[in-house]
N, C-alpha and C. Protein backbone atom coordinates (compact mmCIF):
# COMPACT_ATOMS: atom_id res chain seq x y z
N MET A 1 -83.83 -21.75 28.51
CA MET A 1 -84.35 -22.10 27.23
C MET A 1 -84.13 -23.58 26.96
N ALA A 2 -85.07 -24.04 26.43
CA ALA A 2 -85.01 -25.46 26.11
C ALA A 2 -84.48 -25.61 24.69
N SER A 3 -83.71 -26.66 24.49
CA SER A 3 -83.17 -26.88 23.16
C SER A 3 -84.24 -27.52 22.29
N ARG A 4 -84.17 -27.13 21.08
CA ARG A 4 -85.18 -27.66 20.16
C ARG A 4 -84.70 -28.98 19.59
N LYS A 5 -85.62 -29.81 19.41
CA LYS A 5 -85.34 -31.10 18.82
C LYS A 5 -85.55 -30.97 17.32
N PRO A 6 -84.60 -31.40 16.55
CA PRO A 6 -84.80 -31.24 15.12
C PRO A 6 -85.96 -32.12 14.65
N LYS A 7 -86.61 -31.59 13.66
CA LYS A 7 -87.74 -32.33 13.12
C LYS A 7 -87.25 -33.48 12.27
N ASN A 8 -86.09 -33.29 11.58
CA ASN A 8 -85.59 -34.33 10.71
C ASN A 8 -84.27 -34.84 11.28
N PRO A 9 -84.26 -36.08 11.80
CA PRO A 9 -83.04 -36.59 12.37
C PRO A 9 -81.93 -36.80 11.32
N GLU A 10 -82.27 -37.03 10.07
CA GLU A 10 -81.25 -37.20 9.03
C GLU A 10 -80.51 -35.90 8.78
N LEU A 11 -81.27 -34.80 8.79
CA LEU A 11 -80.64 -33.49 8.62
C LEU A 11 -79.71 -33.21 9.81
N ALA A 12 -80.16 -33.59 10.99
CA ALA A 12 -79.34 -33.38 12.17
C ALA A 12 -78.06 -34.20 12.07
N ALA A 13 -78.15 -35.42 11.60
CA ALA A 13 -76.99 -36.28 11.44
C ALA A 13 -76.07 -35.71 10.36
N ALA A 14 -76.64 -35.21 9.28
CA ALA A 14 -75.84 -34.63 8.20
C ALA A 14 -75.13 -33.37 8.70
N ALA A 15 -75.81 -32.55 9.49
CA ALA A 15 -75.19 -31.35 10.04
C ALA A 15 -74.05 -31.73 10.96
N GLY A 16 -74.23 -32.76 11.75
CA GLY A 16 -73.17 -33.23 12.63
C GLY A 16 -71.98 -33.73 11.83
N ASN A 17 -72.29 -34.48 10.75
CA ASN A 17 -71.21 -34.98 9.88
C ASN A 17 -70.47 -33.82 9.20
N LEU A 18 -71.23 -32.82 8.80
CA LEU A 18 -70.60 -31.65 8.18
C LEU A 18 -69.70 -30.92 9.18
N ALA A 19 -70.14 -30.77 10.39
CA ALA A 19 -69.34 -30.11 11.41
C ALA A 19 -68.06 -30.91 11.68
N GLU A 20 -68.22 -32.25 11.73
CA GLU A 20 -67.05 -33.09 11.95
C GLU A 20 -66.09 -33.00 10.75
N ALA A 21 -66.64 -32.98 9.54
CA ALA A 21 -65.81 -32.86 8.34
C ALA A 21 -65.10 -31.50 8.32
N ALA A 22 -65.81 -30.46 8.71
CA ALA A 22 -65.20 -29.12 8.75
C ALA A 22 -64.04 -29.10 9.74
N GLN A 23 -64.25 -29.79 10.88
CA GLN A 23 -63.17 -29.85 11.87
C GLN A 23 -61.98 -30.61 11.29
N HIS A 24 -62.19 -31.70 10.56
CA HIS A 24 -61.10 -32.45 9.93
C HIS A 24 -60.39 -31.60 8.88
N VAL A 25 -61.21 -30.86 8.09
CA VAL A 25 -60.61 -30.00 7.07
C VAL A 25 -59.75 -28.92 7.74
N ARG A 26 -60.31 -28.34 8.84
CA ARG A 26 -59.56 -27.32 9.58
C ARG A 26 -58.24 -27.89 10.08
N GLN A 27 -58.27 -29.09 10.64
CA GLN A 27 -57.04 -29.72 11.12
C GLN A 27 -56.07 -29.99 9.97
N ALA A 28 -56.60 -30.46 8.84
CA ALA A 28 -55.74 -30.75 7.68
C ALA A 28 -55.11 -29.46 7.14
N VAL A 29 -55.90 -28.41 7.07
CA VAL A 29 -55.38 -27.12 6.59
C VAL A 29 -54.31 -26.61 7.55
N ASN A 30 -54.59 -26.70 8.85
CA ASN A 30 -53.60 -26.26 9.84
C ASN A 30 -52.31 -27.07 9.72
N GLN A 31 -52.44 -28.39 9.50
CA GLN A 31 -51.25 -29.23 9.32
C GLN A 31 -50.48 -28.82 8.05
N LYS A 32 -51.23 -28.55 6.99
CA LYS A 32 -50.57 -28.13 5.75
C LYS A 32 -49.88 -26.78 5.95
N VAL A 33 -50.50 -25.85 6.64
CA VAL A 33 -49.88 -24.56 6.92
C VAL A 33 -48.62 -24.75 7.74
N ASP A 34 -48.69 -25.63 8.74
CA ASP A 34 -47.50 -25.91 9.55
C ASP A 34 -46.40 -26.52 8.69
N GLN A 35 -46.75 -27.45 7.78
CA GLN A 35 -45.75 -28.06 6.89
C GLN A 35 -45.13 -27.00 5.96
N ILE A 36 -45.99 -26.15 5.43
CA ILE A 36 -45.48 -25.09 4.55
C ILE A 36 -44.57 -24.15 5.34
N GLU A 37 -44.99 -23.80 6.54
CA GLU A 37 -44.17 -22.92 7.39
C GLU A 37 -42.82 -23.57 7.69
N ALA A 38 -42.82 -24.87 7.97
CA ALA A 38 -41.57 -25.57 8.24
C ALA A 38 -40.70 -25.60 6.98
N ALA A 39 -41.32 -25.84 5.81
CA ALA A 39 -40.56 -25.87 4.56
C ALA A 39 -39.97 -24.49 4.25
N VAL A 40 -40.78 -23.46 4.43
CA VAL A 40 -40.30 -22.09 4.18
C VAL A 40 -39.18 -21.74 5.16
N SER A 41 -39.36 -22.12 6.41
CA SER A 41 -38.33 -21.87 7.42
C SER A 41 -37.03 -22.59 7.06
N ALA A 42 -37.17 -23.84 6.59
CA ALA A 42 -35.99 -24.60 6.18
C ALA A 42 -35.31 -23.93 4.99
N GLU A 43 -36.10 -23.46 4.02
CA GLU A 43 -35.53 -22.78 2.86
C GLU A 43 -34.87 -21.45 3.26
N ILE A 44 -35.48 -20.75 4.19
CA ILE A 44 -34.89 -19.51 4.67
C ILE A 44 -33.56 -19.80 5.38
N ASP A 45 -33.55 -20.87 6.17
CA ASP A 45 -32.29 -21.26 6.84
C ASP A 45 -31.22 -21.62 5.81
N LYS A 46 -31.64 -22.36 4.75
CA LYS A 46 -30.69 -22.70 3.69
C LYS A 46 -30.16 -21.43 3.02
N ALA A 47 -31.06 -20.48 2.77
CA ALA A 47 -30.65 -19.23 2.13
C ALA A 47 -29.70 -18.46 3.05
N LYS A 48 -30.01 -18.46 4.35
CA LYS A 48 -29.12 -17.79 5.30
C LYS A 48 -27.74 -18.43 5.29
N GLN A 49 -27.70 -19.77 5.33
CA GLN A 49 -26.43 -20.47 5.32
C GLN A 49 -25.66 -20.19 4.02
N ALA A 50 -26.40 -20.18 2.90
CA ALA A 50 -25.75 -19.88 1.62
C ALA A 50 -25.20 -18.46 1.64
N ALA A 51 -26.00 -17.53 2.18
CA ALA A 51 -25.53 -16.15 2.25
C ALA A 51 -24.32 -16.04 3.16
N LYS A 52 -24.37 -16.75 4.29
CA LYS A 52 -23.22 -16.74 5.19
C LYS A 52 -22.01 -17.36 4.50
N GLY A 53 -22.25 -18.44 3.76
CA GLY A 53 -21.15 -19.07 3.02
C GLY A 53 -20.58 -18.14 1.98
N LYS A 54 -21.47 -17.46 1.27
CA LYS A 54 -21.00 -16.49 0.27
C LYS A 54 -20.30 -15.33 0.94
N ARG A 55 -20.86 -14.91 2.07
CA ARG A 55 -20.22 -13.82 2.80
C ARG A 55 -18.84 -14.26 3.29
N GLY A 56 -18.79 -15.52 3.77
CA GLY A 56 -17.51 -16.06 4.22
C GLY A 56 -16.54 -16.18 3.06
N ARG A 57 -17.05 -16.67 1.93
CA ARG A 57 -16.20 -16.81 0.74
C ARG A 57 -15.77 -15.43 0.26
N ALA A 58 -16.71 -14.49 0.25
CA ALA A 58 -16.37 -13.12 -0.16
C ALA A 58 -15.36 -12.52 0.82
N GLY A 59 -15.58 -12.80 2.11
CA GLY A 59 -14.64 -12.32 3.11
C GLY A 59 -13.25 -12.91 2.91
N ARG A 60 -13.22 -14.21 2.60
CA ARG A 60 -11.93 -14.86 2.36
C ARG A 60 -11.27 -14.30 1.10
N ARG A 61 -12.08 -14.06 0.07
CA ARG A 61 -11.53 -13.47 -1.16
C ARG A 61 -11.00 -12.07 -0.88
N PHE A 62 -11.78 -11.32 -0.09
CA PHE A 62 -11.33 -9.97 0.27
C PHE A 62 -10.04 -10.03 1.07
N ASP A 63 -9.98 -10.95 2.03
CA ASP A 63 -8.76 -11.11 2.83
C ASP A 63 -7.58 -11.49 1.95
N ALA A 64 -7.82 -12.38 0.99
CA ALA A 64 -6.74 -12.78 0.08
C ALA A 64 -6.28 -11.58 -0.76
N MET A 65 -7.24 -10.81 -1.27
CA MET A 65 -6.89 -9.63 -2.06
C MET A 65 -6.15 -8.62 -1.19
N LEU A 66 -6.58 -8.47 0.05
CA LEU A 66 -5.92 -7.54 0.96
C LEU A 66 -4.49 -7.99 1.24
N LYS A 67 -4.29 -9.29 1.44
CA LYS A 67 -2.94 -9.82 1.67
C LYS A 67 -2.06 -9.56 0.45
N LYS A 68 -2.62 -9.78 -0.75
CA LYS A 68 -1.84 -9.52 -1.96
C LYS A 68 -1.47 -8.05 -2.06
N ALA A 69 -2.42 -7.17 -1.76
CA ALA A 69 -2.15 -5.73 -1.83
C ALA A 69 -1.09 -5.34 -0.80
N GLU A 70 -1.19 -5.91 0.39
CA GLU A 70 -0.18 -5.61 1.43
C GLU A 70 1.18 -6.14 1.00
N ALA A 71 1.21 -7.31 0.39
CA ALA A 71 2.49 -7.87 -0.08
C ALA A 71 3.08 -6.97 -1.17
N ARG A 72 2.23 -6.50 -2.08
CA ARG A 72 2.72 -5.60 -3.14
C ARG A 72 3.24 -4.30 -2.53
N LEU A 73 2.51 -3.78 -1.57
CA LEU A 73 2.94 -2.55 -0.91
C LEU A 73 4.27 -2.76 -0.19
N ASP A 74 4.39 -3.88 0.50
CA ASP A 74 5.64 -4.19 1.21
C ASP A 74 6.79 -4.33 0.23
N LYS A 75 6.54 -5.01 -0.89
CA LYS A 75 7.57 -5.18 -1.91
C LYS A 75 7.98 -3.83 -2.50
N ALA A 76 6.99 -3.00 -2.80
CA ALA A 76 7.29 -1.68 -3.36
C ALA A 76 8.06 -0.83 -2.35
N THR A 77 7.70 -0.94 -1.08
CA THR A 77 8.39 -0.18 -0.04
C THR A 77 9.84 -0.64 0.07
N ARG A 78 10.04 -1.96 0.08
CA ARG A 78 11.41 -2.49 0.14
C ARG A 78 12.21 -2.04 -1.07
N LYS A 79 11.59 -2.10 -2.24
CA LYS A 79 12.27 -1.70 -3.47
C LYS A 79 12.62 -0.21 -3.43
N ALA A 80 11.69 0.61 -2.95
CA ALA A 80 11.95 2.04 -2.86
C ALA A 80 13.07 2.33 -1.86
N ARG A 81 13.04 1.63 -0.73
CA ARG A 81 14.10 1.81 0.27
C ARG A 81 15.45 1.42 -0.31
N LYS A 82 15.46 0.28 -0.99
CA LYS A 82 16.71 -0.21 -1.58
C LYS A 82 17.22 0.79 -2.62
N SER A 83 16.33 1.30 -3.44
CA SER A 83 16.70 2.28 -4.45
C SER A 83 17.22 3.55 -3.81
N LEU A 84 16.53 3.99 -2.76
CA LEU A 84 16.95 5.19 -2.06
C LEU A 84 18.32 4.99 -1.42
N GLN A 85 18.53 3.83 -0.79
CA GLN A 85 19.82 3.55 -0.18
C GLN A 85 20.92 3.49 -1.23
N LYS A 86 20.59 2.93 -2.39
CA LYS A 86 21.57 2.86 -3.46
C LYS A 86 21.92 4.27 -3.95
N ALA A 87 20.90 5.12 -4.10
CA ALA A 87 21.15 6.49 -4.54
C ALA A 87 21.97 7.25 -3.51
N VAL A 88 21.66 7.04 -2.23
CA VAL A 88 22.41 7.71 -1.15
C VAL A 88 23.86 7.22 -1.15
N ARG A 89 24.03 5.90 -1.34
CA ARG A 89 25.37 5.32 -1.36
C ARG A 89 26.18 5.91 -2.53
N LYS A 90 25.54 6.01 -3.71
CA LYS A 90 26.24 6.60 -4.87
C LYS A 90 26.58 8.06 -4.61
N ALA A 91 25.63 8.78 -4.01
CA ALA A 91 25.89 10.19 -3.70
C ALA A 91 27.03 10.31 -2.70
N ASP A 92 27.07 9.43 -1.71
CA ASP A 92 28.17 9.44 -0.73
C ASP A 92 29.51 9.15 -1.42
N GLU A 93 29.48 8.18 -2.33
CA GLU A 93 30.72 7.85 -3.06
C GLU A 93 31.18 9.05 -3.88
N LYS A 94 30.24 9.70 -4.55
CA LYS A 94 30.60 10.89 -5.34
C LYS A 94 31.12 12.00 -4.43
N LEU A 95 30.48 12.13 -3.27
CA LEU A 95 30.91 13.16 -2.33
C LEU A 95 32.32 12.86 -1.83
N GLU A 96 32.57 11.59 -1.50
CA GLU A 96 33.92 11.21 -1.05
C GLU A 96 34.95 11.45 -2.15
N ALA A 97 34.57 11.09 -3.38
CA ALA A 97 35.48 11.31 -4.50
C ALA A 97 35.74 12.80 -4.69
N ALA A 98 34.68 13.60 -4.55
CA ALA A 98 34.84 15.04 -4.69
C ALA A 98 35.69 15.59 -3.56
N LYS A 99 35.49 15.06 -2.36
CA LYS A 99 36.31 15.51 -1.22
C LYS A 99 37.77 15.17 -1.46
N LYS A 100 38.03 13.95 -1.96
CA LYS A 100 39.41 13.55 -2.23
C LYS A 100 40.01 14.44 -3.31
N ALA A 101 39.24 14.65 -4.38
CA ALA A 101 39.75 15.48 -5.48
C ALA A 101 39.97 16.90 -4.99
N THR A 102 39.03 17.41 -4.23
CA THR A 102 39.15 18.76 -3.70
C THR A 102 40.27 18.82 -2.68
N GLY A 103 40.39 17.77 -1.89
CA GLY A 103 41.45 17.73 -0.88
C GLY A 103 42.82 17.78 -1.53
N THR A 104 43.02 17.03 -2.61
CA THR A 104 44.32 17.08 -3.29
C THR A 104 44.54 18.43 -3.92
N ARG A 105 43.50 19.00 -4.48
CA ARG A 105 43.62 20.33 -5.07
C ARG A 105 43.93 21.37 -3.99
N LEU A 106 43.22 21.20 -2.86
CA LEU A 106 43.48 22.13 -1.76
C LEU A 106 44.89 21.93 -1.23
N GLY A 107 45.35 20.67 -1.20
CA GLY A 107 46.72 20.40 -0.76
C GLY A 107 47.73 21.04 -1.70
N GLU A 108 47.47 20.90 -3.00
CA GLU A 108 48.37 21.53 -3.96
C GLU A 108 48.32 23.05 -3.82
N LEU A 109 47.11 23.56 -3.63
CA LEU A 109 46.96 25.00 -3.47
C LEU A 109 47.65 25.46 -2.19
N GLY A 110 47.51 24.66 -1.13
CA GLY A 110 48.16 25.00 0.13
C GLY A 110 49.67 25.01 -0.03
N LYS A 111 50.19 24.04 -0.76
CA LYS A 111 51.64 24.00 -1.01
C LYS A 111 52.06 25.22 -1.84
N ALA A 112 51.24 25.55 -2.82
CA ALA A 112 51.56 26.69 -3.68
C ALA A 112 51.53 27.99 -2.88
N ILE A 113 50.61 28.07 -1.95
CA ILE A 113 50.51 29.27 -1.11
C ILE A 113 51.65 29.29 -0.11
N ALA A 114 51.98 28.13 0.45
CA ALA A 114 53.01 28.07 1.48
C ALA A 114 54.39 28.37 0.90
N ALA A 115 54.64 27.97 -0.31
CA ALA A 115 55.96 28.18 -0.92
C ALA A 115 56.30 29.66 -1.04
N PRO A 116 55.44 30.53 -1.56
CA PRO A 116 55.79 31.94 -1.64
C PRO A 116 55.91 32.58 -0.27
N VAL A 117 55.21 32.09 0.70
CA VAL A 117 55.29 32.69 2.04
C VAL A 117 56.67 32.44 2.61
N LYS A 118 57.21 31.26 2.39
CA LYS A 118 58.53 30.93 2.93
C LYS A 118 59.62 31.75 2.23
N ALA A 119 59.47 31.96 0.94
CA ALA A 119 60.49 32.72 0.20
C ALA A 119 60.27 34.21 0.44
N PRO A 120 61.34 34.94 0.60
CA PRO A 120 61.18 36.37 0.81
C PRO A 120 60.68 37.02 -0.47
N VAL A 121 59.75 37.92 -0.29
CA VAL A 121 59.15 38.61 -1.42
C VAL A 121 59.96 39.88 -1.68
N LYS A 122 60.41 40.04 -2.93
CA LYS A 122 61.17 41.23 -3.30
C LYS A 122 60.21 42.22 -3.92
N THR A 123 60.43 43.45 -3.60
CA THR A 123 59.62 44.48 -4.22
C THR A 123 60.27 44.86 -5.53
N ALA A 124 59.48 44.98 -6.54
CA ALA A 124 60.01 45.29 -7.86
C ALA A 124 59.34 46.54 -8.39
N PRO A 125 59.93 47.16 -9.37
CA PRO A 125 59.31 48.33 -9.96
C PRO A 125 57.99 47.97 -10.62
N ALA A 126 57.19 48.93 -10.92
CA ALA A 126 55.86 48.74 -11.48
C ALA A 126 55.89 48.06 -12.83
N LYS A 127 56.92 48.27 -13.62
CA LYS A 127 57.01 47.66 -14.94
C LYS A 127 57.15 46.15 -14.82
N LYS A 128 57.81 45.67 -13.84
CA LYS A 128 58.04 44.24 -13.71
C LYS A 128 56.86 43.52 -13.05
N SER A 129 55.87 44.22 -12.57
CA SER A 129 54.72 43.56 -11.95
C SER A 129 53.96 42.73 -12.96
N ALA A 130 53.96 43.16 -14.20
CA ALA A 130 53.32 42.36 -15.25
C ALA A 130 54.09 41.08 -15.46
N ALA A 131 55.40 41.15 -15.32
CA ALA A 131 56.22 39.96 -15.47
C ALA A 131 55.99 39.01 -14.30
N ARG A 132 55.68 39.54 -13.15
CA ARG A 132 55.43 38.71 -11.97
C ARG A 132 54.12 37.93 -12.16
N ASN A 133 53.14 38.52 -12.83
CA ASN A 133 51.86 37.84 -13.06
C ASN A 133 52.01 36.71 -14.07
N ALA A 134 52.96 36.81 -14.95
CA ALA A 134 53.16 35.77 -15.95
C ALA A 134 53.51 34.43 -15.33
N PRO A 135 54.44 34.34 -14.38
CA PRO A 135 54.72 33.04 -13.79
C PRO A 135 53.50 32.46 -13.09
N ALA A 136 52.67 33.28 -12.52
CA ALA A 136 51.45 32.77 -11.88
C ALA A 136 50.57 32.13 -12.92
N GLY A 137 50.49 32.69 -14.08
CA GLY A 137 49.73 32.11 -15.19
C GLY A 137 50.31 30.79 -15.60
N LYS A 138 51.67 30.70 -15.63
CA LYS A 138 52.31 29.44 -15.98
C LYS A 138 52.00 28.38 -14.93
N ALA A 139 51.91 28.78 -13.67
CA ALA A 139 51.58 27.83 -12.60
C ALA A 139 50.16 27.32 -12.78
N ALA A 140 49.26 28.19 -13.19
CA ALA A 140 47.88 27.78 -13.43
C ALA A 140 47.81 26.78 -14.59
N VAL A 141 48.63 27.00 -15.62
CA VAL A 141 48.68 26.08 -16.75
C VAL A 141 49.22 24.74 -16.30
N LYS A 142 50.28 24.76 -15.45
CA LYS A 142 50.84 23.52 -14.95
C LYS A 142 49.82 22.77 -14.08
N ALA A 143 49.08 23.49 -13.25
CA ALA A 143 48.08 22.86 -12.39
C ALA A 143 46.97 22.26 -13.21
N SER A 144 46.51 22.94 -14.25
CA SER A 144 45.45 22.41 -15.08
C SER A 144 45.96 21.23 -15.90
N ALA A 145 47.21 21.25 -16.29
CA ALA A 145 47.80 20.11 -17.02
C ALA A 145 47.88 18.90 -16.10
N ALA A 146 48.13 19.11 -14.81
CA ALA A 146 48.22 17.99 -13.86
C ALA A 146 46.87 17.33 -13.70
N THR A 147 45.80 18.09 -13.77
CA THR A 147 44.46 17.52 -13.59
C THR A 147 43.90 17.03 -14.90
N GLY A 148 44.56 17.30 -16.01
CA GLY A 148 44.11 16.83 -17.31
C GLY A 148 43.17 17.79 -18.00
N ARG A 149 43.08 18.98 -17.54
CA ARG A 149 42.20 19.98 -18.14
C ARG A 149 43.01 20.99 -18.89
N SER A 150 42.40 21.60 -19.87
CA SER A 150 43.12 22.63 -20.62
C SER A 150 42.71 24.00 -20.09
N ALA A 151 43.68 24.95 -20.12
CA ALA A 151 43.40 26.28 -19.58
C ALA A 151 42.65 27.12 -20.56
């Protein structure tokens, strides 16, 4: 096929100019799209960095709060241990005091038991058995008087 020659050379020149202008507009639009894409990409990168910074700051705040909570827990644990040790120590002291008090009472009781065993026991008539119980009562009064208690 043979190409047709335009009848109006001015129209042909105008069409050529329009095609060239369209190509320039296309290039300008593409450049503007590329610039916008670069600007958006830069803004997205800024937003990412800000988010990372906030995440880092939030992470640091969380770490600081976690450290404070761990410190409080450690302090409470130490305080509880100290309190428990103090209570155990007091209980041990009370136990030792009770052992000493009981030990002296047991010693006195042992002496009281040992004394009648060494002395010969006389058998007495039934009427005097009530009299025998009376001195035991007096011994109980003496023992309670020694400890400061009333019978």
